[in-house]
Amino acid sequence: MKKKSIFAIGGAVSVFILIGLVFYGKSQTEDAAQVRLQPDNLQLVAMGKKIYDANCASCHGRDFKGEANWRERRDDGLLPAPPHDETGHTWHHPDDLLFALTKYGPAKMIGDGYQSAMPGFEKVLTDEEIIASLSYIKSRWPKEIQMRHDQMNKSADQ
């Protein structure tokens, strides 16, 4: 059991490292390069809640808890939706990567036939709506996590 869990965690970490490497090489994400989430913009966050509830909560949960066993692949080979609260890995990624993953979807970002249950929303949501939904998610993180995420964004910009 421990080997399976270690393998699943290692696989999930590898996928997100790969996503990060692929992301920085993709020219299609140049529009995401200057994205900044705005968790203190109350109007944007209110809009983001509506967008999140309509497009994201069915998988990631209204409480941001994600699906059960999100680190282990299902029988269909796909990973369940991860939590978007402080227990998940969402806050471990800079704003521009979160934006690109939401806009294009992990399958398009990784390529090479990678499959994901997460769709891209580029034909469903505007860039502003994507930023609003992600700003809403970030607004729900504890202040300490928001500050750590801000620091990570600064490091990613260098």
C-alpha atoms as a PDB file:
ATOM      1  CA  MET A   1       0.000   0.000   0.000  1.00  0.00           C
ATOM      2  CA  LYS A   2       2.813   2.411   0.871  1.00  0.00           C
ATOM      3  CA  LYS A   3       4.572   1.741  -2.436  1.00  0.00           C
ATOM      4  CA  LYS A   4       1.361   2.483  -4.343  1.00  0.00           C
ATOM      5  CA  SER A   5       0.878   5.783  -2.485  1.00  0.00           C
ATOM      6  CA  ILE A   6       4.495   6.810  -2.989  1.00  0.00           C
ATOM      7  CA  PHE A   7       4.222   5.920  -6.690  1.00  0.00           C
ATOM      8  CA  ALA A   8       0.978   7.891  -7.044  1.00  0.00           C
ATOM      9  CA  ILE A   9       2.409  10.956  -5.301  1.00  0.00           C
ATOM     10  CA  GLY A  10       5.596  10.708  -7.335  1.00  0.00           C
ATOM     11  CA  GLY A  11       3.545  10.425 -10.519  1.00  0.00           C
ATOM     12  CA  ALA A  12       1.449  13.459  -9.643  1.00  0.00           C
ATOM     13  CA  VAL A  13       4.554  15.514  -8.822  1.00  0.00           C
ATOM     14  CA  SER A  14       6.162  14.410 -12.088  1.00  0.00           C
ATOM     15  CA  VAL A  15       3.094  15.445 -14.064  1.00  0.00           C
ATOM     16  CA  PHE A  16       3.128  18.934 -12.583  1.00  0.00           C
ATOM     17  CA  ILE A  17       6.860  19.333 -13.103  1.00  0.00           C
ATOM     18  CA  LEU A  18       6.295  18.303 -16.712  1.00  0.00           C
ATOM     19  CA  ILE A  19       3.432  20.771 -17.005  1.00  0.00           C
ATOM     20  CA  GLY A  20       5.691  23.522 -15.726  1.00  0.00           C
ATOM     21  CA  LEU A  21       8.458  22.650 -18.173  1.00  0.00           C
ATOM     22  CA  VAL A  22       6.094  22.368 -21.101  1.00  0.00           C
ATOM     23  CA  PHE A  23       4.293  25.566 -20.119  1.00  0.00           C
ATOM     24  CA  TYR A  24       7.373  27.728 -20.311  1.00  0.00           C
ATOM     25  CA  GLY A  25       8.157  26.367 -23.765  1.00  0.00           C
ATOM     26  CA  LYS A  26       4.698  26.913 -25.273  1.00  0.00           C
ATOM     27  CA  SER A  27       4.262  30.008 -27.409  1.00  0.00           C
ATOM     28  CA  GLN A  28       0.462  29.732 -27.135  1.00  0.00           C
ATOM     29  CA  THR A  29       0.683  30.820 -23.511  1.00  0.00           C
ATOM     30  CA  GLU A  30       2.381  34.122 -24.152  1.00  0.00           C
ATOM     31  CA  ASP A  31      -0.914  35.839 -23.306  1.00  0.00           C
ATOM     32  CA  ALA A  32      -0.684  34.275 -19.847  1.00  0.00           C
ATOM     33  CA  ALA A  33       2.761  35.729 -19.095  1.00  0.00           C
ATOM     34  CA  GLN A  34       1.482  38.832 -17.301  1.00  0.00           C
ATOM     35  CA  VAL A  35      -1.499  37.318 -15.495  1.00  0.00           C
ATOM     36  CA  ARG A  36      -1.967  38.400 -11.904  1.00  0.00           C
ATOM     37  CA  LEU A  37      -4.723  37.091  -9.681  1.00  0.00           C
ATOM     38  CA  GLN A  38      -6.558  39.719  -7.626  1.00  0.00           C
ATOM     39  CA  PRO A  39      -7.959  38.112  -4.461  1.00  0.00           C
ATOM     40  CA  ASP A  40      -8.526  41.543  -2.869  1.00  0.00           C
ATOM     41  CA  ASN A  41     -10.639  42.862  -5.762  1.00  0.00           C
ATOM     42  CA  LEU A  42     -14.102  42.246  -4.301  1.00  0.00           C
ATOM     43  CA  GLN A  43     -15.969  42.850  -7.561  1.00  0.00           C
ATOM     44  CA  LEU A  44     -13.729  40.446  -9.487  1.00  0.00           C
ATOM     45  CA  VAL A  45     -13.926  37.845  -6.699  1.00  0.00           C
ATOM     46  CA  ALA A  46     -17.739  38.052  -6.639  1.00  0.00           C
ATOM     47  CA  MET A  47     -17.799  37.469 -10.391  1.00  0.00           C
ATOM     48  CA  GLY A  48     -15.286  34.646  -9.922  1.00  0.00           C
ATOM     49  CA  LYS A  49     -17.513  32.892  -7.387  1.00  0.00           C
ATOM     50  CA  LYS A  50     -20.359  32.742  -9.897  1.00  0.00           C
ATOM     51  CA  ILE A  51     -18.023  31.423 -12.593  1.00  0.00           C
ATOM     52  CA  TYR A  52     -16.442  28.886 -10.224  1.00  0.00           C
ATOM     53  CA  ASP A  53     -19.847  27.655  -9.039  1.00  0.00           C
ATOM     54  CA  ALA A  54     -21.051  27.233 -12.635  1.00  0.00           C
ATOM     55  CA  ASN A  55     -17.906  25.695 -14.151  1.00  0.00           C
ATOM     56  CA  CYS A  56     -15.575  24.291 -11.495  1.00  0.00           C
ATOM     57  CA  ALA A  57     -17.468  23.297  -8.346  1.00  0.00           C
ATOM     58  CA  SER A  58     -18.988  20.172  -9.887  1.00  0.00           C
ATOM     59  CA  CYS A  59     -15.512  18.561  -9.857  1.00  0.00           C
ATOM     60  CA  HIS A  60     -13.426  20.594  -7.400  1.00  0.00           C
ATOM     61  CA  GLY A  61     -16.283  21.099  -4.910  1.00  0.00           C
ATOM     62  CA  ARG A  62     -17.988  24.206  -3.597  1.00  0.00           C
ATOM     63  CA  ASP A  63     -15.773  23.762  -0.525  1.00  0.00           C
ATOM     64  CA  PHE A  64     -12.643  23.421  -2.742  1.00  0.00           C
ATOM     65  CA  LYS A  65     -11.969  19.905  -1.356  1.00  0.00           C
ATOM     66  CA  GLY A  66     -11.712  18.213  -4.778  1.00  0.00           C
ATOM     67  CA  GLU A  67     -12.510  14.579  -5.408  1.00  0.00           C
ATOM     68  CA  ALA A  68     -11.619  11.696  -3.106  1.00  0.00           C
ATOM     69  CA  ASN A  69      -8.214  10.076  -3.613  1.00  0.00           C
ATOM     70  CA  TRP A  70      -7.146  12.890  -5.935  1.00  0.00           C
ATOM     71  CA  ARG A  71      -3.519  11.712  -5.943  1.00  0.00           C
ATOM     72  CA  GLU A  72      -4.353   8.255  -7.328  1.00  0.00           C
ATOM     73  CA  ARG A  73      -5.399   7.506 -10.891  1.00  0.00           C
ATOM     74  CA  ARG A  74      -8.891   6.120 -11.373  1.00  0.00           C
ATOM     75  CA  ASP A  75      -9.620   2.920 -13.285  1.00  0.00           C
ATOM     76  CA  ASP A  76      -9.888   5.005 -16.464  1.00  0.00           C
ATOM     77  CA  GLY A  77      -6.309   6.222 -15.920  1.00  0.00           C
ATOM     78  CA  LEU A  78      -7.310   9.825 -15.186  1.00  0.00           C
ATOM     79  CA  LEU A  79      -6.483  11.709 -12.014  1.00  0.00           C
ATOM     80  CA  PRO A  80      -9.461  12.949  -9.972  1.00  0.00           C
ATOM     81  CA  ALA A  81      -9.931  16.698  -9.530  1.00  0.00           C
ATOM     82  CA  PRO A  82      -7.552  18.021  -6.862  1.00  0.00           C
ATOM     83  CA  PRO A  83      -8.605  20.338  -4.056  1.00  0.00           C
ATOM     84  CA  HIS A  84      -8.182  24.064  -4.573  1.00  0.00           C
ATOM     85  CA  ASP A  85      -7.864  24.828  -0.871  1.00  0.00           C
ATOM     86  CA  GLU A  86      -4.604  24.981   1.063  1.00  0.00           C
ATOM     87  CA  THR A  87      -4.360  21.154   1.183  1.00  0.00           C
ATOM     88  CA  GLY A  88      -4.010  20.847  -2.585  1.00  0.00           C
ATOM     89  CA  HIS A  89      -1.258  21.845  -4.972  1.00  0.00           C
ATOM     90  CA  THR A  90      -3.034  24.719  -6.748  1.00  0.00           C
ATOM     91  CA  TRP A  91      -1.250  27.365  -4.723  1.00  0.00           C
ATOM     92  CA  HIS A  92       2.103  25.750  -5.560  1.00  0.00           C
ATOM     93  CA  HIS A  93       1.872  27.096  -9.123  1.00  0.00           C
ATOM     94  CA  PRO A  94       2.362  30.684 -10.291  1.00  0.00           C
ATOM     95  CA  ASP A  95      -0.559  32.710 -11.623  1.00  0.00           C
ATOM     96  CA  ASP A  96       0.448  32.381 -15.267  1.00  0.00           C
ATOM     97  CA  LEU A  97       0.591  28.589 -15.082  1.00  0.00           C
ATOM     98  CA  LEU A  98      -2.778  28.385 -13.293  1.00  0.00           C
ATOM     99  CA  PHE A  99      -4.261  30.629 -15.970  1.00  0.00           C
ATOM    100  CA  ALA A 100      -2.834  28.544 -18.828  1.00  0.00           C
ATOM    101  CA  LEU A 101      -3.927  25.233 -17.276  1.00  0.00           C
ATOM    102  CA  THR A 102      -7.447  26.593 -16.895  1.00  0.00           C
ATOM    103  CA  LYS A 103      -7.580  28.145 -20.350  1.00  0.00           C
ATOM    104  CA  TYR A 104      -5.994  25.329 -22.355  1.00  0.00           C
ATOM    105  CA  GLY A 105      -6.377  22.282 -20.067  1.00  0.00           C
ATOM    106  CA  PRO A 106      -3.609  19.922 -18.918  1.00  0.00           C
ATOM    107  CA  ALA A 107      -3.885  17.641 -21.973  1.00  0.00           C
ATOM    108  CA  LYS A 108      -3.094  20.488 -24.366  1.00  0.00           C
ATOM    109  CA  MET A 109      -0.407  21.893 -22.082  1.00  0.00           C
ATOM    110  CA  ILE A 110       1.440  18.587 -21.712  1.00  0.00           C
ATOM    111  CA  GLY A 111       0.746  17.178 -25.180  1.00  0.00           C
ATOM    112  CA  ASP A 112       2.141  13.788 -26.257  1.00  0.00           C
ATOM    113  CA  GLY A 113      -1.307  12.182 -25.900  1.00  0.00           C
ATOM    114  CA  TYR A 114      -1.621  13.038 -22.205  1.00  0.00           C
ATOM    115  CA  GLN A 115      -5.240  12.702 -21.101  1.00  0.00           C
ATOM    116  CA  SER A 116      -7.003  14.608 -18.371  1.00  0.00           C
ATOM    117  CA  ALA A 117     -10.564  14.960 -17.155  1.00  0.00           C
ATOM    118  CA  MET A 118      -9.881  18.714 -16.854  1.00  0.00           C
ATOM    119  CA  PRO A 119     -11.073  20.475 -19.987  1.00  0.00           C
ATOM    120  CA  GLY A 120      -9.651  23.680 -21.339  1.00  0.00           C
ATOM    121  CA  PHE A 121     -12.015  26.641 -21.004  1.00  0.00           C
ATOM    122  CA  GLU A 122     -10.678  28.845 -23.807  1.00  0.00           C
ATOM    123  CA  LYS A 123     -13.923  28.500 -25.788  1.00  0.00           C
ATOM    124  CA  VAL A 124     -16.143  28.725 -22.702  1.00  0.00           C
ATOM    125  CA  LEU A 125     -14.697  31.543 -20.586  1.00  0.00           C
ATOM    126  CA  THR A 126     -13.031  34.835 -21.407  1.00  0.00           C
ATOM    127  CA  ASP A 127      -9.576  35.581 -20.037  1.00  0.00           C
ATOM    128  CA  GLU A 128     -11.173  37.944 -17.522  1.00  0.00           C
ATOM    129  CA  GLU A 129     -13.560  35.201 -16.361  1.00  0.00           C
ATOM    130  CA  ILE A 130     -10.669  32.773 -15.919  1.00  0.00           C
ATOM    131  CA  ILE A 131      -8.753  35.366 -13.887  1.00  0.00           C
ATOM    132  CA  ALA A 132     -11.898  36.069 -11.852  1.00  0.00           C
ATOM    133  CA  SER A 133     -12.466  32.395 -11.021  1.00  0.00           C
ATOM    134  CA  LEU A 134      -8.816  31.912 -10.051  1.00  0.00           C
ATOM    135  CA  SER A 135      -8.898  35.137  -8.004  1.00  0.00           C
ATOM    136  CA  TYR A 136     -11.932  33.767  -6.169  1.00  0.00           C
ATOM    137  CA  ILE A 137     -10.071  30.532  -5.420  1.00  0.00           C
ATOM    138  CA  LYS A 138      -7.046  32.441  -4.128  1.00  0.00           C
ATOM    139  CA  SER A 139      -9.275  34.701  -2.005  1.00  0.00           C
ATOM    140  CA  ARG A 140     -10.364  31.609  -0.063  1.00  0.00           C
ATOM    141  CA  TRP A 141      -6.825  30.561   0.899  1.00  0.00           C
ATOM    142  CA  PRO A 142      -5.491  31.495   4.341  1.00  0.00           C
ATOM    143  CA  LYS A 143      -3.527  34.778   4.267  1.00  0.00           C
ATOM    144  CA  GLU A 144      -0.259  32.916   4.957  1.00  0.00           C
ATOM    145  CA  ILE A 145      -0.790  30.740   1.856  1.00  0.00           C
ATOM    146  CA  GLN A 146      -1.697  33.819  -0.219  1.00  0.00           C
ATOM    147  CA  MET A 147       1.546  35.492   0.882  1.00  0.00           C
ATOM    148  CA  ARG A 148       3.588  32.380   0.036  1.00  0.00           C
ATOM    149  CA  HIS A 149       1.897  32.256  -3.361  1.00  0.00           C
ATOM    150  CA  ASP A 150       2.713  35.937  -3.944  1.00  0.00           C
ATOM    151  CA  GLN A 151       6.371  35.202  -3.144  1.00  0.00           C
ATOM    152  CA  MET A 152       6.351  32.303  -5.588  1.00  0.00           C
ATOM    153  CA  ASN A 153       4.954  34.617  -8.280  1.00  0.00           C
ATOM    154  CA  LYS A 154       7.783  37.068  -7.649  1.00  0.00           C
ATOM    155  CA  SER A 155      10.348  34.255  -7.972  1.00  0.00           C
ATOM    156  CA  ALA A 156       8.709  33.014 -11.182  1.00  0.00           C
ATOM    157  CA  ASP A 157       8.963  36.516 -12.674  1.00  0.00           C
ATOM    158  CA  GLN A 158      12.731  36.653 -12.241  1.00  0.00           C
END
